[in-house]
Protein backbone atom coordinates (compact mmCIF):
# COMPACT_ATOMS: atom_id res chain seq x y z
CA MET A 1 105.91 150.88 155.52
CA THR A 2 103.51 153.69 156.53
CA THR A 3 104.93 156.48 154.44
CA PRO A 4 103.11 157.64 151.32
CA ALA A 5 105.96 156.36 149.21
CA ALA A 6 105.53 152.95 150.70
CA THR A 7 101.76 152.82 150.35
CA ALA A 8 102.10 153.85 146.65
CA ARG A 9 104.79 151.40 145.82
CA ARG A 10 104.50 149.68 142.48
CA ALA A 11 105.23 146.00 142.21
CA GLY A 12 108.49 144.97 140.64
CA ARG A 13 110.02 141.79 139.27
CA ARG A 14 110.12 140.15 142.68
CA GLU A 15 106.36 140.61 143.24
CA TRP A 16 105.44 139.36 139.73
CA THR A 17 107.67 136.40 140.26
CA ALA A 18 105.95 135.71 143.53
CA PHE A 19 102.55 136.05 141.85
CA THR A 20 103.55 133.52 139.22
CA VAL A 21 104.37 131.07 142.01
CA LEU A 22 100.99 131.74 143.67
CA LEU A 23 99.20 130.66 140.42
CA LEU A 24 100.52 127.18 140.92
CA PRO A 25 98.38 126.22 143.93
CA LEU A 26 95.41 128.02 142.35
CA LEU A 27 95.65 125.82 139.15
CA LEU A 28 96.00 122.66 141.21
CA VAL A 29 93.03 123.37 143.45
CA SER A 30 90.81 124.32 140.56
CA MET A 31 91.94 121.28 138.52
CA ASP A 32 91.03 118.99 141.41
CA VAL A 33 87.38 119.97 140.94
CA SER A 34 87.27 118.09 137.57
CA VAL A 35 90.24 115.69 137.69
CA LEU A 36 88.12 112.63 138.49
CA TYR A 37 85.98 112.78 135.40
CA PHE A 38 87.98 110.15 133.50
CA ALA A 39 89.57 108.36 136.50
CA ILE A 40 86.29 107.18 138.09
CA PRO A 41 85.90 104.01 135.92
CA ALA A 42 89.44 102.81 136.84
CA ILE A 43 88.82 103.63 140.49
CA THR A 44 85.55 101.72 140.41
CA ASP A 45 87.33 98.68 138.93
CA GLN A 46 90.03 98.65 141.56
CA LEU A 47 88.26 99.93 144.78
CA ASP A 48 84.72 98.68 144.02
CA PRO A 49 82.95 101.58 145.74
CA SER A 50 79.20 101.45 146.31
CA ALA A 51 77.03 103.98 144.43
CA THR A 52 76.95 106.17 147.61
CA GLN A 53 80.68 105.98 148.02
CA GLN A 54 81.22 106.87 144.41
CA LEU A 55 79.13 110.06 144.89
CA TRP A 56 81.16 110.98 147.90
CA ILE A 57 84.47 110.40 146.13
CA PHE A 58 83.26 113.16 143.74
CA ASP A 59 81.61 115.49 146.21
CA SER A 60 83.66 115.29 149.43
CA TYR A 61 86.28 117.58 148.01
CA ALA A 62 83.93 120.37 147.02
CA PHE A 63 82.00 120.06 150.24
CA ALA A 64 85.12 120.31 152.49
CA LEU A 65 86.47 123.22 150.48
CA SER A 66 83.25 125.27 150.42
CA GLY A 67 82.46 124.61 154.16
CA LEU A 68 85.85 125.84 155.39
CA LEU A 69 86.56 128.89 153.18
CA ILE A 70 85.26 131.40 155.72
CA THR A 71 87.17 129.71 158.52
CA MET A 72 90.48 129.61 156.61
CA GLY A 73 90.21 133.16 155.36
CA SER A 74 89.81 134.41 158.97
CA LEU A 75 92.56 132.08 160.18
CA GLY A 76 94.98 133.44 157.55
CA ASP A 77 94.40 136.98 158.62
CA ARG A 78 95.38 135.91 162.21
CA ILE A 79 98.40 133.59 161.76
CA GLY A 80 99.68 135.00 158.43
CA ARG A 81 98.61 134.28 154.86
CA ARG A 82 101.92 132.89 153.76
CA LYS A 83 102.06 130.60 156.80
CA LEU A 84 98.51 129.30 156.08
CA LEU A 85 99.49 128.80 152.43
CA LEU A 86 102.49 126.66 153.42
CA ILE A 87 100.35 124.61 155.88
CA GLY A 88 97.73 124.15 153.23
CA ALA A 89 100.37 123.17 150.53
CA THR A 90 101.71 120.53 152.98
CA ALA A 91 98.28 119.13 153.71
CA PHE A 92 97.35 119.17 149.97
CA GLY A 93 100.57 117.29 149.02
CA LEU A 94 100.16 114.64 151.77
CA ALA A 95 96.48 114.18 150.88
CA SER A 96 97.45 113.72 147.19
CA ILE A 97 99.84 110.89 148.19
CA GLY A 98 97.05 109.32 150.33
CA ALA A 99 94.57 109.57 147.42
CA GLY A 100 97.10 108.30 144.84
CA TYR A 101 97.84 105.19 146.90
CA ALA A 102 94.34 104.63 148.37
CA THR A 103 93.56 100.95 148.76
CA SER A 104 89.83 101.36 149.60
CA ALA A 105 86.91 103.71 148.82
CA GLU A 106 86.84 104.89 152.38
CA MET A 107 90.54 105.77 152.28
CA LEU A 108 90.06 107.70 149.03
CA ILE A 109 87.06 109.62 150.43
CA ALA A 110 89.13 110.57 153.52
CA ALA A 111 91.94 111.77 151.25
CA ARG A 112 89.55 113.82 149.15
CA VAL A 113 88.26 115.47 152.36
CA LEU A 114 91.77 116.38 153.35
CA LEU A 115 92.41 117.68 149.82
CA GLY A 116 89.34 119.90 150.23
CA ILE A 117 90.61 121.23 153.61
CA GLY A 118 93.97 121.97 152.00
CA GLY A 119 92.20 123.66 149.11
CA ALA A 120 90.20 125.83 151.48
CA THR A 121 93.48 127.19 152.88
CA LEU A 122 95.12 127.71 149.50
CA MET A 123 92.38 129.64 147.59
CA PRO A 124 91.76 132.55 149.95
CA SER A 125 95.49 132.74 150.81
CA THR A 126 96.54 133.16 147.22
CA LEU A 127 93.93 135.86 146.47
CA ALA A 128 94.66 137.67 149.76
CA LEU A 129 98.38 137.66 148.99
CA VAL A 130 97.71 139.10 145.57
CA ARG A 131 95.78 141.84 147.23
CA ASN A 132 98.82 142.53 149.53
CA LEU A 133 101.58 142.16 146.87
CA PHE A 134 100.03 144.63 144.45
CA GLN A 135 99.23 147.95 146.09
CA ASP A 136 99.05 149.90 142.79
CA ALA A 137 95.42 149.79 141.53
CA LYS A 138 96.34 149.13 137.90
CA GLN A 139 98.75 146.39 138.69
CA ARG A 140 96.40 144.74 141.14
CA GLY A 141 93.62 144.74 138.61
CA LYS A 142 95.84 143.14 136.03
CA ALA A 143 96.98 140.48 138.55
CA ILE A 144 93.38 139.64 139.58
CA ALA A 145 92.39 139.38 135.99
CA ILE A 146 95.09 136.81 135.39
CA TRP A 147 94.14 135.01 138.66
CA SER A 148 90.50 134.79 137.53
CA GLY A 149 91.50 133.40 134.08
CA ALA A 150 93.76 130.82 135.67
CA MET A 151 91.08 129.60 138.03
CA THR A 152 88.55 129.23 135.23
CA GLY A 153 91.04 127.55 132.91
CA GLY A 154 92.20 125.13 135.66
CA ILE A 155 88.70 123.61 135.93
CA ALA A 156 88.60 122.96 132.18
CA LEU A 157 92.26 121.71 132.16
CA GLY A 158 91.70 119.21 135.00
CA SER A 159 89.44 116.88 132.99
CA VAL A 160 91.84 116.96 129.95
CA LEU A 161 94.89 116.34 132.11
CA SER A 162 93.28 113.37 133.84
CA GLY A 163 92.44 111.85 130.46
CA VAL A 164 96.03 112.28 129.17
CA MET A 165 97.55 110.90 132.41
CA LEU A 166 95.28 107.84 132.40
CA ASN A 167 96.42 106.99 128.88
CA HIS A 168 99.94 106.39 130.30
CA PHE A 169 99.69 105.73 133.99
CA SER A 170 97.41 104.36 136.71
CA TRP A 171 94.43 106.36 138.14
CA GLY A 172 96.54 107.35 141.18
CA SER A 173 98.67 109.54 138.88
CA VAL A 174 95.92 112.19 138.63
CA PHE A 175 96.52 112.93 142.32
CA LEU A 176 100.30 112.31 142.51
CA ILE A 177 100.95 114.93 139.88
CA ASN A 178 100.16 117.48 142.72
CA VAL A 179 103.12 116.42 144.86
CA PRO A 180 106.11 117.84 142.88
CA ALA A 181 104.17 121.05 142.32
CA MET A 182 103.47 121.37 146.06
CA LEU A 183 107.11 120.62 146.89
CA LEU A 184 108.17 123.37 144.45
CA LEU A 185 105.69 125.73 146.19
CA LEU A 186 107.11 124.91 149.64
CA VAL A 187 110.66 125.84 148.41
CA LEU A 188 109.73 129.07 146.49
CA VAL A 189 107.12 130.73 148.66
CA PRO A 190 109.35 131.30 151.72
CA ALA A 191 112.00 132.79 149.41
CA LEU A 192 109.73 135.00 147.31
CA VAL A 193 106.48 135.84 149.17
CA PRO A 194 106.49 138.13 152.21
CA GLU A 195 104.27 137.48 155.15
CA PHE A 196 101.12 139.58 155.74
CA LYS A 197 98.64 139.39 158.56
CA ASP A 198 96.31 141.42 160.70
CA PRO A 199 98.52 143.12 163.37
CA ALA A 200 95.54 143.20 165.84
CA PRO A 201 93.22 140.38 164.94
CA GLY A 202 91.56 139.75 168.32
CA ARG A 203 90.53 136.30 169.59
CA PHE A 204 89.59 133.59 167.07
CA ASP A 205 85.87 132.87 167.11
CA LEU A 206 85.92 129.08 167.78
CA LEU A 207 82.12 128.76 167.83
CA GLY A 208 81.96 130.62 164.52
CA VAL A 209 83.75 127.68 162.83
CA PRO A 210 80.99 125.06 163.22
CA LEU A 211 78.37 127.74 162.70
CA SER A 212 79.72 128.89 159.36
CA THR A 213 80.27 125.28 158.23
CA ALA A 214 76.78 124.34 159.26
CA ALA A 215 75.46 127.29 157.32
CA VAL A 216 77.33 126.58 154.12
CA LEU A 217 77.41 122.86 153.73
CA PRO A 218 73.64 122.05 153.88
CA VAL A 219 72.89 124.79 151.46
CA VAL A 220 75.60 123.75 148.97
CA TYR A 221 74.54 120.04 149.30
CA GLY A 222 70.87 120.76 148.95
CA LEU A 223 71.38 122.87 145.85
CA LYS A 224 73.65 120.23 144.24
CA GLU A 225 71.15 117.40 144.93
CA ILE A 226 68.22 119.47 143.68
CA ALA A 227 70.06 120.03 140.43
CA ALA A 228 70.61 116.23 140.14
CA GLU A 229 67.45 114.76 141.76
CA GLY A 230 64.83 117.52 141.79
CA PHE A 231 62.93 119.25 144.64
CA GLU A 232 62.83 116.36 147.15
CA PRO A 233 61.74 117.21 150.69
CA LEU A 234 65.19 116.06 152.10
CA TYR A 235 67.00 118.53 149.97
CA LEU A 236 64.62 121.34 150.70
CA GLY A 237 65.11 120.49 154.35
CA CYS A 238 68.87 120.88 153.88
CA LEU A 239 68.36 124.32 152.54
CA ALA A 240 66.14 125.32 155.44
CA VAL A 241 68.70 123.99 157.95
CA GLY A 242 71.62 125.83 156.28
CA LEU A 243 69.64 129.03 156.15
CA ALA A 244 68.72 128.74 159.84
CA PHE A 245 72.41 128.25 160.88
CA GLY A 246 73.31 131.10 158.47
CA TYR A 247 70.95 133.40 160.37
CA VAL A 248 72.54 132.42 163.69
CA PHE A 249 76.01 132.91 162.24
CA VAL A 250 75.23 136.38 160.81
CA ARG A 251 73.60 137.45 164.16
CA ARG A 252 76.72 136.35 166.02
CA GLN A 253 79.10 138.16 163.65
CA ARG A 254 77.17 141.36 164.01
CA THR A 255 77.40 141.43 167.78
CA ARG A 256 81.06 140.48 168.33
CA ASP A 257 84.01 142.91 168.26
CA ASP A 258 86.39 140.06 167.10
CA ALA A 259 84.02 138.51 164.58
CA MET A 260 85.21 135.96 162.06
CA VAL A 261 83.63 138.15 159.34
CA SER A 262 84.52 141.69 160.34
CA ARG A 263 81.87 144.42 159.92
CA ALA A 264 84.62 146.64 158.53
CA LEU A 265 84.52 144.63 155.34
CA PHE A 266 81.13 146.00 154.46
CA GLN A 267 81.83 149.61 155.13
CA GLY A 268 83.07 150.12 151.56
CA ARG A 269 80.35 150.39 148.91
CA GLY A 270 82.10 147.99 146.56
CA PHE A 271 82.42 144.94 148.84
CA GLY A 272 78.80 143.75 149.36
CA ALA A 273 77.88 144.57 145.75
CA GLY A 274 80.95 142.85 144.49
CA ILE A 275 80.19 139.65 146.37
CA GLY A 276 76.57 139.68 145.10
CA LEU A 277 77.54 140.27 141.51
CA ASN A 278 80.36 137.69 141.73
CA THR A 279 77.78 135.15 142.93
CA VAL A 280 75.51 135.95 139.95
CA ALA A 281 78.50 135.47 137.59
CA ALA A 282 79.26 132.06 139.12
CA PHE A 283 75.57 131.19 138.82
CA ALA A 284 75.76 131.79 135.03
CA MET A 285 79.07 129.96 134.57
CA MET A 286 78.22 126.81 136.32
CA GLY A 287 74.64 126.83 135.10
CA SER A 288 75.80 126.89 131.53
CA ALA A 289 78.44 124.24 132.22
CA TYR A 290 75.81 121.91 133.53
CA PHE A 291 74.21 121.79 130.05
CA THR A 292 77.21 122.14 127.75
CA THR A 293 79.09 119.18 129.11
CA GLN A 294 75.97 116.98 128.70
CA TYR A 295 75.32 118.40 125.29
CA LEU A 296 78.71 117.41 124.01
CA GLN A 297 78.59 113.90 125.34
CA SER A 298 74.88 112.92 125.31
CA VAL A 299 73.54 114.89 122.37
CA LEU A 300 76.53 114.98 120.08
CA GLY A 301 77.72 111.52 121.23
CA MET A 302 81.37 112.46 122.04
CA GLY A 303 83.55 110.38 124.27
CA PRO A 304 84.69 111.99 127.57
CA LEU A 305 88.19 112.92 126.33
CA GLU A 306 86.97 114.30 123.08
CA ALA A 307 84.29 116.38 124.90
CA ALA A 308 86.95 117.72 127.31
CA LEU A 309 89.21 118.70 124.48
CA TRP A 310 86.40 120.57 122.71
CA SER A 311 85.49 122.23 125.96
CA LEU A 312 88.94 123.84 126.03
CA ALA A 313 88.22 125.80 122.81
CA PRO A 314 86.46 128.64 124.56
CA SER A 315 89.48 129.11 126.79
CA LEU A 316 91.33 130.59 123.83
CA VAL A 317 89.31 133.74 124.17
CA ILE A 318 88.86 133.74 127.92
CA GLY A 319 92.56 134.44 128.47
CA ALA A 320 92.36 137.78 126.79
CA ALA A 321 88.95 138.89 128.06
CA ALA A 322 89.77 139.70 131.71
CA PRO A 323 92.97 141.75 130.94
CA ALA A 324 91.11 143.60 128.22
CA GLY A 325 88.24 144.41 130.56
CA THR A 326 90.65 145.54 133.20
CA ALA A 327 92.50 147.88 130.77
CA LEU A 328 89.16 149.32 129.68
CA ALA A 329 88.06 149.87 133.36
CA GLN A 330 91.05 152.16 133.81
CA LYS A 331 89.60 154.53 131.19
CA VAL A 332 85.81 154.08 131.73
CA ASP A 333 83.77 153.87 134.93
CA ARG A 334 84.15 150.23 135.81
CA ALA A 335 80.46 150.00 136.56
CA TYR A 336 79.82 150.24 132.82
CA VAL A 337 82.53 147.72 132.00
CA ILE A 338 81.09 145.30 134.49
CA ALA A 339 77.63 145.89 133.05
CA GLY A 340 79.09 145.34 129.59
CA GLY A 341 80.58 142.07 130.77
CA PHE A 342 77.15 140.92 131.86
CA VAL A 343 75.62 142.02 128.54
CA LEU A 344 78.35 140.04 126.73
CA ALA A 345 77.73 137.01 128.80
CA ALA A 346 73.98 137.36 128.16
CA ALA A 347 74.67 137.39 124.42
CA GLY A 348 76.53 134.10 124.91
CA PHE A 349 73.53 132.65 126.62
CA ALA A 350 71.28 133.85 123.85
CA LEU A 351 73.47 132.13 121.26
CA ILE A 352 73.21 128.88 123.30
CA GLY A 353 69.40 129.39 123.21
CA LEU A 354 69.56 129.09 119.47
CA ILE A 355 71.27 125.66 119.13
CA GLY A 356 69.76 122.52 117.74
CA THR A 357 70.80 118.94 118.07
CA ASP A 358 73.78 119.33 115.83
CA SER A 359 75.25 122.76 116.65
CA LEU A 360 78.79 122.24 117.90
CA TRP A 361 80.22 125.46 116.67
CA LEU A 362 77.29 127.59 117.75
CA LEU A 363 77.60 126.03 121.24
CA LEU A 364 81.39 126.71 121.38
CA ILE A 365 81.02 130.28 120.16
CA GLY A 366 78.18 130.92 122.70
CA ALA A 367 80.16 129.31 125.51
CA GLY A 368 83.17 131.35 124.65
CA VAL A 369 81.23 134.63 124.50
CA LEU A 370 79.52 133.80 127.81
CA ALA A 371 82.75 132.80 129.55
CA SER A 372 84.55 135.91 128.29
CA GLY A 373 81.87 138.20 129.79
CA ILE A 374 81.74 136.27 133.07
CA VAL A 375 85.55 136.19 133.60
CA THR A 376 85.63 139.96 132.93
CA VAL A 377 82.89 140.51 135.56
CA MET A 378 84.57 138.24 138.07
CA SER A 379 88.01 139.88 137.76
CA LEU A 380 86.67 143.46 138.01
CA VAL A 381 84.28 142.88 140.97
CA SER A 382 86.85 140.74 142.82
CA ASP A 383 89.30 143.64 142.44
CA MET A 384 86.79 146.14 143.62
CA ALA A 385 85.65 144.11 146.59
CA LEU A 386 89.23 143.45 147.73
CA ALA A 387 90.33 147.01 147.20
CA SER A 388 87.29 148.12 149.29
CA ALA A 389 88.22 145.83 152.21
CA PRO A 390 90.92 146.83 154.78
CA ALA A 391 94.21 145.25 153.85
CA GLU A 392 94.50 143.43 157.17
CA LYS A 393 91.12 141.61 156.38
CA ALA A 394 92.15 140.53 152.93
CA GLY A 395 91.97 136.85 153.85
CA SER A 396 88.37 137.11 155.14
CA ALA A 397 87.42 139.23 152.08
CA ALA A 398 88.81 136.62 149.64
CA SER A 399 87.09 133.79 151.48
CA LEU A 400 83.74 135.53 151.27
CA LEU A 401 84.17 136.12 147.57
CA GLU A 402 84.99 132.42 146.97
CA THR A 403 82.19 131.24 149.26
CA GLY A 404 79.86 133.38 147.17
CA GLN A 405 81.06 131.65 144.07
CA GLU A 406 80.43 128.28 145.58
CA PHE A 407 76.80 129.28 146.43
CA GLY A 408 76.43 130.83 142.94
CA GLY A 409 77.71 127.75 141.14
CA ALA A 410 75.52 125.42 143.10
CA LEU A 411 72.48 127.67 142.66
CA GLY A 412 73.03 127.99 138.95
CA MET A 413 73.11 124.20 138.45
CA ALA A 414 70.04 123.78 140.64
CA VAL A 415 67.88 126.57 139.12
CA LEU A 416 68.86 126.29 135.44
CA GLY A 417 69.14 122.48 135.73
CA SER A 418 65.65 122.23 137.25
CA LEU A 419 64.17 124.54 134.52
CA GLY A 420 65.71 122.45 131.77
CA THR A 421 64.65 119.18 133.41
CA ALA A 422 61.05 120.38 133.75
CA VAL A 423 60.94 121.22 130.04
CA TYR A 424 62.50 117.84 129.11
CA ARG A 425 60.04 115.89 131.20
CA SER A 426 57.10 117.89 129.85
CA ASP A 427 58.12 117.17 126.33
CA LEU A 428 58.37 113.46 127.02
CA ALA A 429 55.32 113.21 129.28
CA ASP A 430 53.95 110.26 127.29
CA SER A 431 57.20 108.25 127.31
CA GLU A 432 58.17 105.45 129.73
CA PRO A 433 59.64 106.64 133.10
CA ALA A 434 63.30 105.67 132.30
CA VAL A 435 63.15 107.87 129.18
CA ARG A 436 61.35 110.73 130.84
CA GLU A 437 63.68 110.83 133.89
CA THR A 438 67.03 111.74 132.29
CA LEU A 439 68.75 111.83 128.92
CA GLY A 440 71.11 109.10 130.17
CA GLY A 441 68.11 106.92 130.96
CA ALA A 442 66.75 107.59 127.48
CA ALA A 443 70.07 106.49 125.96
CA ALA A 444 70.10 103.28 127.91
CA THR A 445 66.53 102.57 126.94
CA ALA A 446 67.33 103.19 123.29
CA HIS A 447 70.23 100.89 123.43
CA ARG A 448 68.01 98.10 124.96
CA ILE A 449 65.28 98.59 122.33
CA GLY A 450 67.76 98.78 119.40
CA GLY A 451 67.02 99.33 115.76
CA ALA A 452 65.02 102.19 114.20
CA ALA A 453 62.66 102.33 117.28
CA GLY A 454 65.60 102.87 119.64
CA GLU A 455 67.08 105.62 117.40
CA GLN A 456 63.68 107.33 117.34
CA VAL A 457 63.52 107.25 121.20
CA LEU A 458 67.00 108.73 121.51
CA ALA A 459 66.34 111.40 118.80
CA LEU A 460 63.16 112.49 120.70
CA ALA A 461 65.04 112.59 123.99
CA ARG A 462 67.84 114.65 122.51
CA GLU A 463 65.37 117.14 121.03
CA ALA A 464 63.71 117.38 124.49
CA PHE A 465 67.02 117.95 126.15
CA VAL A 466 68.00 120.73 123.72
CA HIS A 467 64.47 122.26 124.16
CA GLY A 468 65.07 122.40 127.94
CA MET A 469 68.55 123.74 127.42
CA GLN A 470 67.14 126.51 125.26
CA TYR A 471 64.65 127.58 127.96
CA ALA A 472 67.46 127.55 130.60
CA ALA A 473 69.63 129.63 128.31
CA TRP A 474 66.87 132.26 127.84
CA GLY A 475 66.31 132.34 131.55
CA GLY A 476 70.05 132.93 132.03
CA THR A 477 69.98 135.63 129.43
CA ALA A 478 67.24 137.44 131.33
CA LEU A 479 69.07 137.09 134.68
CA LEU A 480 72.32 138.47 133.28
CA LEU A 481 70.66 141.43 131.65
CA GLY A 482 69.10 142.26 135.03
CA ALA A 483 72.53 141.90 136.63
CA ALA A 484 73.85 144.37 134.11
CA VAL A 485 71.32 146.99 135.15
CA LEU A 486 72.14 146.34 138.81
CA ALA A 487 75.91 146.65 138.23
CA ALA A 488 75.51 150.00 136.47
CA ALA A 489 73.33 151.22 139.36
CA LEU A 490 75.27 149.85 142.28
CA MET A 491 78.83 150.24 141.17
CA ARG A 492 78.67 153.56 139.43
CA GLY A 493 81.06 156.19 140.76
CA ILE A 494 82.95 153.67 143.00
CA GLU A 495 86.68 154.29 142.72
CA ALA A 496 89.24 151.90 143.95
CA PRO A 497 90.47 153.44 147.20
CA ALA A 498 94.06 154.20 147.81
CA PRO A 499 95.73 151.15 149.35
CA PRO A 500 96.36 151.43 153.06
CA ALA A 501 99.74 150.63 154.46
CA ALA A 502 100.79 147.05 154.26
CA GLU A 503 100.74 145.06 157.54
CA PRO A 504 104.18 144.83 159.15
CA ALA A 505 106.17 141.82 158.20
CA THR A 506 106.94 139.28 160.83
CA GLY A 507 110.31 137.96 161.63
CA PRO A 508 113.84 139.15 160.63
CA GLU A 509 113.80 137.47 157.32
CA ASP A 510 110.62 139.30 156.27
CA ARG A 511 111.98 142.69 157.53
CA ALA A 512 115.11 142.13 155.43
CA ARG A 513 112.97 141.23 152.47
CA GLU A 514 110.82 144.32 152.82
CA ALA A 515 113.98 146.48 153.04
CA THR A 516 114.89 145.30 149.55
CA TYR A 517 111.65 146.73 148.18
CA HIS A 518 112.77 150.26 149.09
């Protein structure tokens, strides 16, 4: 496995089949982000959660996932990425059963936490295994492009799938559908996916686990709550606490030889820049989604399932965007392709900035253009970052990429959401508090008033919301144009390095499997 022929090996049918299997957990984990959108009314009727419990039913999954990504990426490098994937799949399947048959809000929250822990093992494991399976740069770029599109599509698909399932089955079915998929994964992965791990990982940094979690969780929580509630002292305090722990965590990682986040990851030019640009891309993606979902339901008056189905329309072009960008990057300096992706996304934001209160098609076109540019950026910078990292640290590299996405998504909703909210409240400064607070509050007030007066209140609130959405879109446009300039400057001339030798497989079955490759 250390000869030039081995290091230059192109993936064959077996690797591509293994890659197809790895897309399964990726889809399920990304779908679980949005699968509760339609199930929550039925859950409320049966489990009668309090308002706080209902929020935790939604958020506990994302918090557990984001807080443990760094830990699980480092753990996968040490014990083996395939092994961690199988452990995570088992936990995800058991947690799905627990969630599907939950008899109390507390039980469902606990199951959602376990789902998040399982998801934190699955996401970096799948991306790291893609990095190891595809040593040829062109094939790896194509695979990561498909991976990025599947992750984006899974989030949109989750809400639609839950709506379809609830039309025929109980609310527990939105979780139980994970179980046969995970059983299939447990059967196929040992047969198709070889094991990869760091041959000399050093000791596991046990203190780094709580430090990394304490750095990530308060920041993600604070940003999410700022997006929903505004700049309250408690949420600003959470940001401060998270940043303080983050400082301690980084200092610790810089002084340890067996650090959870290896310094070797940042020796390549493409890694740090790739994480930063990936974070900006997630900022734009989630920041735009914050408004588009509300626009479809609260401005255009669609029901949840209808809105979810319409939101799938941009996915028709997203699937082709990343592979096209990857193909172009093989002929042109990828820095310019990444910059072009940001410019394309900025154009999508600019189109959204032109919408009125009845602009469905303009919204869908703008969202499709924006998402196409963002997915192109994400796939190319992810490929560059992973290629720049040592192969034995692929799990840690993947976890940092995905942690950056979590930060970027939360920051996008907080910043753009706060900008839109400020404009909304400014436009309705003379209205009663319920109307001025949120568009949902305005709709409830309009329903209470009724008649022509109620319709006028709702019309004014919708216009104010769209006005705030326009300002946020133009802010996003400016940000993405700035990111395009940075991408052209930071990434220019960086070539994907030749892949190092794969780590030695572990165990006789793996050695036999590796022999079949040659």
